[in-house]
N, C-alpha and C. Protein backbone atom coordinates (compact mmCIF):
# COMPACT_ATOMS: atom_id res chain seq x y z
N MET A 1 118.96 -10.32 31.53
CA MET A 1 118.23 -9.42 32.37
C MET A 1 118.53 -8.00 31.93
N THR A 2 117.48 -7.23 31.96
CA THR A 2 117.64 -5.84 31.52
C THR A 2 118.11 -4.99 32.69
N GLN A 3 118.54 -3.84 32.33
CA GLN A 3 119.04 -2.89 33.33
C GLN A 3 117.93 -2.50 34.32
N LYS A 4 116.75 -2.34 33.79
CA LYS A 4 115.62 -1.95 34.61
C LYS A 4 115.27 -3.06 35.60
N SER A 5 115.34 -4.29 35.20
CA SER A 5 115.03 -5.41 36.08
C SER A 5 116.07 -5.52 37.19
N LYS A 6 117.32 -5.27 36.88
CA LYS A 6 118.37 -5.34 37.89
C LYS A 6 118.15 -4.27 38.98
N ILE A 7 117.72 -3.08 38.56
CA ILE A 7 117.47 -1.99 39.52
C ILE A 7 116.29 -2.36 40.41
N ILE A 8 115.25 -2.92 39.83
CA ILE A 8 114.07 -3.28 40.60
C ILE A 8 114.42 -4.39 41.59
N LEU A 9 115.29 -5.32 41.21
CA LEU A 9 115.67 -6.40 42.11
C LEU A 9 116.60 -5.92 43.23
N THR A 10 117.49 -5.03 42.94
CA THR A 10 118.45 -4.57 43.95
C THR A 10 117.87 -3.54 44.91
N LEU A 11 116.79 -2.89 44.51
CA LEU A 11 116.20 -1.86 45.37
C LEU A 11 115.70 -2.44 46.69
N PRO A 12 114.91 -3.52 46.73
CA PRO A 12 114.48 -4.06 48.02
C PRO A 12 115.65 -4.57 48.86
N ILE A 13 116.64 -5.15 48.21
CA ILE A 13 117.80 -5.66 48.95
C ILE A 13 118.56 -4.49 49.57
N SER A 14 118.72 -3.40 48.82
CA SER A 14 119.40 -2.20 49.33
C SER A 14 118.62 -1.59 50.50
N LEU A 15 117.32 -1.61 50.37
CA LEU A 15 116.48 -1.06 51.43
C LEU A 15 116.61 -1.90 52.70
N ILE A 16 116.63 -3.21 52.58
CA ILE A 16 116.76 -4.10 53.73
C ILE A 16 118.12 -3.90 54.40
N ILE A 17 119.16 -3.79 53.60
CA ILE A 17 120.50 -3.59 54.16
C ILE A 17 120.58 -2.23 54.87
N SER A 18 119.99 -1.18 54.29
CA SER A 18 120.00 0.16 54.91
C SER A 18 119.26 0.14 56.26
N LEU A 19 118.09 -0.52 56.28
CA LEU A 19 117.34 -0.60 57.53
C LEU A 19 118.11 -1.41 58.58
N LEU A 20 118.80 -2.46 58.17
CA LEU A 20 119.59 -3.26 59.09
C LEU A 20 120.73 -2.43 59.69
N ILE A 21 121.38 -1.63 58.87
CA ILE A 21 122.48 -0.79 59.36
C ILE A 21 121.95 0.28 60.33
N ILE A 22 120.81 0.89 59.99
CA ILE A 22 120.21 1.90 60.87
C ILE A 22 119.80 1.26 62.19
N GLY A 23 119.19 0.08 62.14
CA GLY A 23 118.76 -0.61 63.35
C GLY A 23 119.92 -0.98 64.24
N LEU A 24 121.00 -1.49 63.66
CA LEU A 24 122.18 -1.83 64.46
C LEU A 24 122.82 -0.58 65.06
N SER A 25 122.87 0.47 64.27
CA SER A 25 123.43 1.73 64.79
C SER A 25 122.60 2.25 65.96
N PHE A 26 121.29 2.20 65.82
CA PHE A 26 120.41 2.67 66.89
C PHE A 26 120.59 1.80 68.13
N ALA A 27 120.72 0.47 67.93
CA ALA A 27 120.88 -0.43 69.05
C ALA A 27 122.17 -0.11 69.81
N TYR A 28 123.21 0.26 69.14
CA TYR A 28 124.46 0.59 69.80
C TYR A 28 124.41 1.98 70.45
N TRP A 29 123.64 2.91 69.90
CA TRP A 29 123.58 4.27 70.42
C TRP A 29 122.45 4.47 71.43
N ASN A 30 121.57 3.53 71.57
CA ASN A 30 120.42 3.67 72.46
C ASN A 30 120.87 3.52 73.91
N ASP A 31 120.42 4.43 74.76
CA ASP A 31 120.74 4.37 76.17
C ASP A 31 119.61 5.07 76.93
N THR A 32 119.49 4.79 78.20
CA THR A 32 118.46 5.42 79.03
C THR A 32 119.08 6.63 79.71
N LEU A 33 118.41 7.75 79.58
CA LEU A 33 118.87 8.98 80.20
C LEU A 33 117.90 9.32 81.33
N THR A 34 118.38 9.42 82.56
CA THR A 34 117.56 9.72 83.72
C THR A 34 117.94 11.10 84.24
N ILE A 35 116.94 11.94 84.41
CA ILE A 35 117.17 13.28 84.95
C ILE A 35 116.52 13.33 86.32
N GLN A 36 117.26 13.71 87.32
CA GLN A 36 116.73 13.84 88.66
C GLN A 36 116.85 15.28 89.10
N GLY A 37 115.87 15.73 89.86
CA GLY A 37 115.92 17.10 90.34
C GLY A 37 115.09 17.24 91.60
N THR A 38 115.21 18.37 92.23
CA THR A 38 114.44 18.67 93.44
C THR A 38 113.68 19.96 93.21
N ILE A 39 112.41 19.92 93.54
CA ILE A 39 111.58 21.12 93.45
C ILE A 39 111.10 21.44 94.85
N THR A 40 111.33 22.66 95.29
CA THR A 40 110.87 23.09 96.59
C THR A 40 109.70 24.02 96.40
N THR A 41 108.57 23.67 96.97
CA THR A 41 107.40 24.52 96.86
C THR A 41 107.20 25.27 98.17
N ASP A 42 106.43 26.31 98.12
CA ASP A 42 106.16 27.11 99.31
C ASP A 42 104.72 26.94 99.71
N HIS A 43 104.33 27.56 100.75
CA HIS A 43 102.94 27.48 101.20
C HIS A 43 102.42 28.89 101.45
N PHE A 44 101.11 28.97 101.58
CA PHE A 44 100.46 30.25 101.83
C PHE A 44 99.73 30.20 103.17
N ASP A 45 99.86 31.26 103.92
CA ASP A 45 99.10 31.38 105.15
C ASP A 45 99.02 32.86 105.50
N ALA A 46 97.94 33.24 106.10
CA ALA A 46 97.76 34.63 106.52
C ALA A 46 97.26 34.64 107.96
N ASP A 47 97.62 35.67 108.68
CA ASP A 47 97.20 35.82 110.07
C ASP A 47 96.60 37.19 110.27
N LEU A 48 95.74 37.29 111.26
CA LEU A 48 95.12 38.57 111.62
C LEU A 48 95.67 39.03 112.96
N SER A 49 95.68 40.34 113.16
CA SER A 49 96.08 40.90 114.44
C SER A 49 95.11 42.02 114.81
N LEU A 50 95.15 42.41 116.06
CA LEU A 50 94.24 43.45 116.56
C LEU A 50 95.05 44.60 117.17
N PRO A 51 95.38 45.60 116.37
CA PRO A 51 96.02 46.77 116.97
C PRO A 51 95.01 47.47 117.90
N GLN A 52 95.46 48.00 119.01
CA GLN A 52 94.58 48.67 119.96
C GLN A 52 94.76 50.18 119.78
N PRO A 53 93.97 51.05 120.25
CA PRO A 53 92.76 50.85 121.02
C PRO A 53 91.54 50.78 120.11
N TRP A 54 90.38 50.38 120.67
CA TRP A 54 89.13 50.44 119.94
C TRP A 54 88.70 51.90 119.91
N GLN A 55 87.85 52.26 118.98
CA GLN A 55 87.36 53.64 118.88
C GLN A 55 85.84 53.62 118.84
N ASP A 56 85.22 54.71 119.32
CA ASP A 56 83.79 54.86 119.10
C ASP A 56 83.52 56.26 118.59
N TYR A 57 82.31 56.47 118.10
CA TYR A 57 81.97 57.72 117.43
C TYR A 57 81.11 58.64 118.30
N ALA A 58 81.24 58.59 119.59
CA ALA A 58 80.43 59.48 120.43
C ALA A 58 80.79 60.92 120.06
N GLY A 59 79.78 61.71 119.78
CA GLY A 59 80.03 63.11 119.44
C GLY A 59 80.55 63.89 120.63
N ASP A 60 81.11 65.07 120.39
CA ASP A 60 81.67 65.87 121.47
C ASP A 60 80.64 66.17 122.55
N ASN A 61 79.38 66.40 122.17
CA ASN A 61 78.37 66.73 123.17
C ASN A 61 77.79 65.50 123.84
N GLU A 62 78.21 64.29 123.44
CA GLU A 62 77.66 63.07 124.02
C GLU A 62 78.69 62.30 124.84
N ILE A 63 79.85 62.86 125.06
CA ILE A 63 80.91 62.11 125.73
C ILE A 63 80.45 61.61 127.09
N GLU A 64 79.75 62.47 127.89
CA GLU A 64 79.31 62.03 129.21
C GLU A 64 78.21 60.99 129.13
N LYS A 65 77.45 60.98 128.05
CA LYS A 65 76.33 60.06 127.92
C LYS A 65 76.72 58.77 127.21
N ASP A 66 77.91 58.73 126.65
CA ASP A 66 78.35 57.57 125.87
C ASP A 66 78.74 56.44 126.82
N VAL A 67 77.84 55.51 127.04
CA VAL A 67 78.11 54.39 127.94
C VAL A 67 78.42 53.11 127.16
N GLY A 68 78.23 53.14 125.84
CA GLY A 68 78.52 51.96 125.03
C GLY A 68 80.01 51.78 124.83
N TYR A 69 80.41 50.54 124.66
CA TYR A 69 81.83 50.27 124.41
C TYR A 69 81.98 48.89 123.78
N ILE A 70 83.12 48.71 123.15
CA ILE A 70 83.47 47.40 122.60
C ILE A 70 84.05 46.59 123.75
N GLY A 71 83.32 45.56 124.16
CA GLY A 71 83.75 44.77 125.31
C GLY A 71 84.94 43.89 125.00
N SER A 72 84.91 43.25 123.85
CA SER A 72 86.03 42.38 123.49
C SER A 72 86.03 42.14 121.99
N VAL A 73 87.22 41.90 121.50
CA VAL A 73 87.41 41.47 120.11
C VAL A 73 88.44 40.35 120.16
N GLU A 74 88.11 39.22 119.56
CA GLU A 74 89.01 38.07 119.57
C GLU A 74 89.12 37.49 118.18
N ILE A 75 90.28 36.92 117.91
CA ILE A 75 90.54 36.27 116.62
C ILE A 75 90.73 34.78 116.88
N TYR A 76 90.05 33.98 116.08
CA TYR A 76 90.18 32.53 116.17
C TYR A 76 90.70 32.01 114.83
N ASP A 77 91.82 31.30 114.89
CA ASP A 77 92.34 30.66 113.69
C ASP A 77 91.54 29.40 113.43
N ASP A 78 91.33 29.11 112.15
CA ASP A 78 90.64 27.89 111.77
C ASP A 78 91.52 26.71 112.19
N PRO A 79 91.04 25.82 113.09
CA PRO A 79 91.87 24.70 113.55
C PRO A 79 92.16 23.70 112.44
N ASN A 80 91.38 23.70 111.37
CA ASN A 80 91.60 22.76 110.27
C ASN A 80 92.43 23.36 109.15
N ASP A 81 92.99 24.54 109.39
CA ASP A 81 93.75 25.25 108.36
C ASP A 81 95.07 24.54 108.11
N GLU A 82 95.23 24.01 106.91
CA GLU A 82 96.46 23.34 106.50
C GLU A 82 97.20 24.27 105.54
N PRO A 83 98.54 24.26 105.55
CA PRO A 83 99.26 25.09 104.58
C PRO A 83 98.81 24.76 103.16
N GLY A 84 98.55 25.79 102.38
CA GLY A 84 98.10 25.60 101.01
C GLY A 84 96.59 25.60 100.87
N ASP A 85 95.87 25.35 101.97
CA ASP A 85 94.40 25.37 101.93
C ASP A 85 93.91 26.81 102.01
N THR A 86 92.64 26.97 101.79
CA THR A 86 92.02 28.27 102.00
C THR A 86 92.13 28.61 103.47
N SER A 87 92.58 29.81 103.76
CA SER A 87 92.75 30.25 105.13
C SER A 87 91.49 30.99 105.57
N MET A 88 90.94 30.59 106.71
CA MET A 88 89.74 31.24 107.23
C MET A 88 89.97 31.58 108.69
N ASP A 89 89.97 32.87 109.02
CA ASP A 89 90.08 33.30 110.40
C ASP A 89 88.80 34.03 110.77
N LEU A 90 88.39 33.86 112.01
CA LEU A 90 87.13 34.39 112.49
C LEU A 90 87.40 35.47 113.53
N ILE A 91 86.75 36.62 113.38
CA ILE A 91 86.83 37.71 114.34
C ILE A 91 85.49 37.75 115.06
N THR A 92 85.51 37.70 116.39
CA THR A 92 84.29 37.81 117.18
C THR A 92 84.39 39.07 118.03
N ALA A 93 83.36 39.91 117.93
CA ALA A 93 83.35 41.16 118.70
C ALA A 93 82.08 41.21 119.54
N THR A 94 82.21 41.81 120.72
CA THR A 94 81.07 41.99 121.63
C THR A 94 80.93 43.48 121.93
N ILE A 95 79.71 44.00 121.73
CA ILE A 95 79.40 45.39 122.01
C ILE A 95 78.55 45.44 123.28
N CYS A 96 78.94 46.25 124.26
CA CYS A 96 78.24 46.33 125.54
C CYS A 96 77.64 47.72 125.75
N ASN A 97 76.52 47.76 126.46
CA ASN A 97 75.83 49.01 126.81
C ASN A 97 75.54 49.89 125.60
N ALA A 98 75.28 49.27 124.49
CA ALA A 98 75.01 50.02 123.25
C ALA A 98 73.59 50.56 123.28
N TYR A 99 73.35 51.55 122.48
CA TYR A 99 72.05 52.21 122.39
C TYR A 99 71.82 52.55 120.93
N PRO A 100 70.59 52.81 120.51
CA PRO A 100 70.32 53.14 119.11
C PRO A 100 71.16 54.34 118.66
N GLY A 101 71.83 54.16 117.55
CA GLY A 101 72.69 55.20 117.01
C GLY A 101 74.14 55.06 117.45
N TYR A 102 74.43 54.17 118.41
CA TYR A 102 75.81 53.97 118.86
C TYR A 102 76.64 53.41 117.71
N GLU A 103 77.82 53.97 117.51
CA GLU A 103 78.74 53.50 116.48
C GLU A 103 80.11 53.27 117.09
N ALA A 104 80.78 52.26 116.60
CA ALA A 104 82.14 51.97 117.04
C ALA A 104 82.89 51.30 115.90
N TRP A 105 84.20 51.26 116.02
CA TRP A 105 85.00 50.55 115.05
C TRP A 105 86.27 50.04 115.71
N PHE A 106 86.83 49.01 115.11
CA PHE A 106 88.13 48.52 115.54
C PHE A 106 88.93 48.16 114.31
N ARG A 107 90.23 48.25 114.48
CA ARG A 107 91.15 48.03 113.37
C ARG A 107 91.65 46.59 113.41
N VAL A 108 91.80 46.01 112.23
CA VAL A 108 92.32 44.64 112.10
C VAL A 108 93.49 44.67 111.13
N GLY A 109 94.56 43.98 111.49
CA GLY A 109 95.73 43.86 110.62
C GLY A 109 95.72 42.50 109.95
N LEU A 110 96.01 42.48 108.66
CA LEU A 110 96.10 41.25 107.89
C LEU A 110 97.55 41.06 107.49
N HIS A 111 98.18 40.00 107.98
CA HIS A 111 99.60 39.73 107.73
C HIS A 111 99.72 38.53 106.80
N VAL A 112 100.47 38.69 105.74
CA VAL A 112 100.71 37.58 104.81
C VAL A 112 102.21 37.30 104.90
N CYS A 113 102.64 36.74 106.04
CA CYS A 113 104.07 36.57 106.28
C CYS A 113 104.52 35.12 106.39
N ALA A 114 103.60 34.19 106.40
CA ALA A 114 103.98 32.78 106.49
C ALA A 114 104.16 32.24 105.08
N GLY A 115 105.37 32.21 104.60
CA GLY A 115 105.64 31.78 103.23
C GLY A 115 105.92 32.98 102.34
N SER A 116 106.13 32.71 101.07
CA SER A 116 106.46 33.80 100.15
C SER A 116 105.43 33.93 99.03
N MET A 117 104.30 33.28 99.20
CA MET A 117 103.29 33.26 98.15
C MET A 117 102.22 34.33 98.42
N PRO A 118 101.88 35.14 97.43
CA PRO A 118 100.79 36.10 97.64
C PRO A 118 99.44 35.40 97.71
N GLY A 119 98.46 36.12 98.22
CA GLY A 119 97.12 35.55 98.35
C GLY A 119 96.07 36.53 97.88
N ILE A 120 94.84 36.06 97.86
CA ILE A 120 93.70 36.88 97.47
C ILE A 120 92.66 36.79 98.57
N VAL A 121 92.13 37.94 98.96
CA VAL A 121 91.01 37.95 99.90
C VAL A 121 89.80 37.51 99.10
N LYS A 122 89.39 36.28 99.32
CA LYS A 122 88.34 35.68 98.51
C LYS A 122 86.95 36.16 98.93
N GLU A 123 86.74 36.30 100.25
CA GLU A 123 85.41 36.65 100.72
C GLU A 123 85.50 37.18 102.15
N ILE A 124 84.64 38.11 102.48
CA ILE A 124 84.48 38.59 103.85
C ILE A 124 83.03 38.32 104.23
N ILE A 125 82.85 37.46 105.23
CA ILE A 125 81.51 37.04 105.65
C ILE A 125 81.20 37.70 106.99
N ILE A 126 80.11 38.45 107.04
CA ILE A 126 79.70 39.13 108.27
C ILE A 126 78.39 38.50 108.74
N LYS A 127 78.37 38.07 110.01
CA LYS A 127 77.15 37.53 110.61
C LYS A 127 76.85 38.38 111.84
N ALA A 128 75.72 39.08 111.77
CA ALA A 128 75.34 39.98 112.86
C ALA A 128 73.84 39.94 113.03
N PRO A 129 73.36 40.22 114.25
CA PRO A 129 71.91 40.31 114.44
C PRO A 129 71.35 41.51 113.67
N PRO A 130 70.05 41.52 113.39
CA PRO A 130 69.49 42.61 112.57
C PRO A 130 69.60 43.98 113.23
N GLU A 131 69.82 44.02 114.54
CA GLU A 131 69.97 45.31 115.22
C GLU A 131 71.31 45.97 114.95
N LEU A 132 72.25 45.23 114.35
CA LEU A 132 73.58 45.77 114.08
C LEU A 132 73.82 45.89 112.59
N ASP A 133 74.38 47.02 112.19
CA ASP A 133 74.86 47.20 110.82
C ASP A 133 76.38 47.11 110.89
N VAL A 134 76.97 46.10 110.27
CA VAL A 134 78.40 45.87 110.34
C VAL A 134 78.96 45.92 108.92
N TRP A 135 80.05 46.66 108.73
CA TRP A 135 80.71 46.71 107.43
C TRP A 135 82.21 46.84 107.62
N VAL A 136 82.94 46.52 106.56
CA VAL A 136 84.40 46.54 106.57
C VAL A 136 84.87 47.63 105.61
N ASP A 137 85.87 48.41 106.04
CA ASP A 137 86.40 49.50 105.22
C ASP A 137 87.92 49.54 105.33
N PRO A 138 88.67 49.44 104.26
CA PRO A 138 88.20 49.16 102.91
C PRO A 138 87.87 47.68 102.75
N ASP A 139 87.03 47.40 101.79
CA ASP A 139 86.62 46.03 101.49
C ASP A 139 87.70 45.43 100.58
N TRP A 140 88.51 44.55 101.13
CA TRP A 140 89.64 43.97 100.39
C TRP A 140 89.23 42.79 99.52
N THR A 141 87.94 42.47 99.41
CA THR A 141 87.49 41.31 98.63
C THR A 141 88.00 41.40 97.20
N GLY A 142 88.62 40.32 96.74
CA GLY A 142 89.16 40.27 95.38
C GLY A 142 90.54 40.87 95.24
N THR A 143 91.09 41.42 96.31
CA THR A 143 92.39 42.07 96.25
C THR A 143 93.50 41.06 96.48
N GLN A 144 94.56 41.18 95.67
CA GLN A 144 95.74 40.34 95.87
C GLN A 144 96.61 41.01 96.92
N VAL A 145 96.97 40.25 97.94
CA VAL A 145 97.84 40.75 98.99
C VAL A 145 99.17 40.02 98.88
N HIS A 146 100.24 40.74 99.05
CA HIS A 146 101.57 40.20 98.78
C HIS A 146 102.25 39.70 100.05
N ALA A 147 103.11 38.74 99.86
CA ALA A 147 103.83 38.13 100.97
C ALA A 147 104.69 39.17 101.66
N CYS A 148 104.82 39.00 102.96
CA CYS A 148 105.62 39.87 103.83
C CYS A 148 105.13 41.31 103.82
N HIS A 149 103.83 41.49 103.66
CA HIS A 149 103.20 42.81 103.77
C HIS A 149 102.09 42.73 104.81
N GLU A 150 101.71 43.90 105.31
CA GLU A 150 100.62 43.97 106.27
C GLU A 150 99.59 44.96 105.74
N TYR A 151 98.33 44.56 105.80
CA TYR A 151 97.22 45.37 105.32
C TYR A 151 96.27 45.60 106.48
N PHE A 152 95.68 46.78 106.54
CA PHE A 152 94.77 47.10 107.63
C PHE A 152 93.39 47.42 107.09
N PHE A 153 92.38 47.05 107.85
CA PHE A 153 91.01 47.45 107.53
C PHE A 153 90.28 47.69 108.85
N ASN A 154 89.22 48.46 108.76
CA ASN A 154 88.42 48.77 109.94
C ASN A 154 87.10 48.03 109.86
N VAL A 155 86.68 47.48 110.98
CA VAL A 155 85.36 46.85 111.10
C VAL A 155 84.48 47.85 111.84
N HIS A 156 83.44 48.33 111.18
CA HIS A 156 82.51 49.31 111.75
C HIS A 156 81.23 48.60 112.20
N VAL A 157 80.65 49.12 113.27
CA VAL A 157 79.37 48.59 113.75
C VAL A 157 78.51 49.77 114.20
N GLU A 158 77.23 49.70 113.86
CA GLU A 158 76.27 50.71 114.29
C GLU A 158 75.02 49.99 114.78
N VAL A 159 74.50 50.45 115.92
CA VAL A 159 73.26 49.89 116.47
C VAL A 159 72.09 50.60 115.80
N LEU A 160 71.23 49.82 115.15
CA LEU A 160 70.12 50.37 114.37
C LEU A 160 68.82 50.37 115.17
N GLU A 161 67.97 51.31 114.83
CA GLU A 161 66.61 51.30 115.33
C GLU A 161 65.72 51.81 114.20
N VAL A 162 64.84 50.96 113.73
CA VAL A 162 63.87 51.33 112.70
C VAL A 162 62.51 51.04 113.30
N GLU A 163 61.78 52.09 113.58
CA GLU A 163 60.52 51.95 114.30
C GLU A 163 59.60 50.93 113.63
N GLY A 164 59.14 50.00 114.43
CA GLY A 164 58.23 48.97 113.95
C GLY A 164 58.93 47.81 113.25
N GLN A 165 60.23 47.93 112.96
CA GLN A 165 60.94 46.86 112.26
C GLN A 165 62.12 46.33 113.06
N ILE A 166 63.01 47.23 113.47
CA ILE A 166 64.20 46.83 114.21
C ILE A 166 64.25 47.66 115.48
N GLU A 167 64.20 46.98 116.62
CA GLU A 167 64.26 47.68 117.90
C GLU A 167 65.26 46.96 118.80
N PRO A 168 66.39 47.61 119.10
CA PRO A 168 67.38 46.97 119.97
C PRO A 168 66.81 46.77 121.38
N GLN A 169 67.23 45.70 122.01
CA GLN A 169 66.78 45.37 123.36
C GLN A 169 67.62 46.14 124.38
N GLN A 170 66.98 46.64 125.42
CA GLN A 170 67.72 47.31 126.48
C GLN A 170 68.49 46.27 127.29
N GLY A 171 69.70 46.64 127.66
CA GLY A 171 70.53 45.76 128.48
C GLY A 171 71.09 44.57 127.73
N ALA A 172 70.92 44.52 126.43
CA ALA A 172 71.40 43.37 125.64
C ALA A 172 72.88 43.55 125.31
N THR A 173 73.57 42.44 125.21
CA THR A 173 74.95 42.42 124.74
C THR A 173 74.92 41.76 123.37
N TYR A 174 75.41 42.46 122.35
CA TYR A 174 75.37 41.95 120.99
C TYR A 174 76.74 41.43 120.58
N THR A 175 76.73 40.30 119.90
CA THR A 175 77.96 39.71 119.39
C THR A 175 77.79 39.50 117.90
N PHE A 176 78.85 39.80 117.15
CA PHE A 176 78.84 39.55 115.71
C PHE A 176 80.17 38.95 115.31
N THR A 177 80.20 38.33 114.14
CA THR A 177 81.44 37.72 113.64
C THR A 177 81.74 38.23 112.24
N VAL A 178 83.03 38.29 111.95
CA VAL A 178 83.53 38.62 110.62
C VAL A 178 84.52 37.51 110.27
N THR A 179 84.30 36.85 109.16
CA THR A 179 85.20 35.79 108.71
C THR A 179 85.93 36.26 107.46
N ILE A 180 87.25 36.17 107.48
CA ILE A 180 88.08 36.53 106.33
C ILE A 180 88.49 35.23 105.65
N VAL A 181 88.06 35.05 104.41
CA VAL A 181 88.39 33.85 103.65
C VAL A 181 89.44 34.23 102.63
N MET A 182 90.59 33.55 102.69
CA MET A 182 91.70 33.84 101.77
C MET A 182 92.13 32.59 101.05
N THR A 183 92.74 32.78 99.90
CA THR A 183 93.30 31.67 99.15
C THR A 183 94.57 32.14 98.48
N GLN A 184 95.44 31.19 98.13
CA GLN A 184 96.66 31.60 97.43
C GLN A 184 96.27 32.15 96.06
N TYR A 185 97.09 33.04 95.53
CA TYR A 185 96.72 33.81 94.35
C TYR A 185 96.41 32.97 93.11
N ASN A 186 96.99 31.79 92.99
CA ASN A 186 96.77 31.00 91.78
C ASN A 186 95.76 29.88 91.97
N ALA A 187 95.07 29.84 93.11
CA ALA A 187 94.08 28.80 93.35
C ALA A 187 92.75 29.20 92.73
N ASN A 188 91.92 28.22 92.45
CA ASN A 188 90.60 28.51 91.86
C ASN A 188 89.63 29.01 92.88
């Protein structure tokens, strides 16, 4: 047998022996490693408040004639609001003895104190009859609000009269709603 033939014959045998040694070594060194840990997550929730008093825009010369007033403002929490879900709170306001051109506003506080997660004001939905022009100032839509902070905004209302198009009813009581839709900052 030639030298070359001996090398060719011993190569597969050497390879088999090497693989056997590696396999046995792995079998002896193989073990299951289990890692256990605890992750604590937080939740997001926001609440609204109503600082008093309400304000109206009666001019100095109209103080005696200003009979309109904000009768009530109430906040309703969404009864289906679960921690981590989109938070939706509803503000209902009633304007009494209003007249064309009457303006009023009330302040609303937004508290992000339940949990440590910041949130985003996703949407502000205003539902009002056509006789009322309602707007929010400042408009916090799209703004990230941080945990353990309080933000304030004003809800303004004006009674409109556009001849032939919008005519407020005498003796009517108008009610409108403002819904604040919030979500945690990293939600879609």
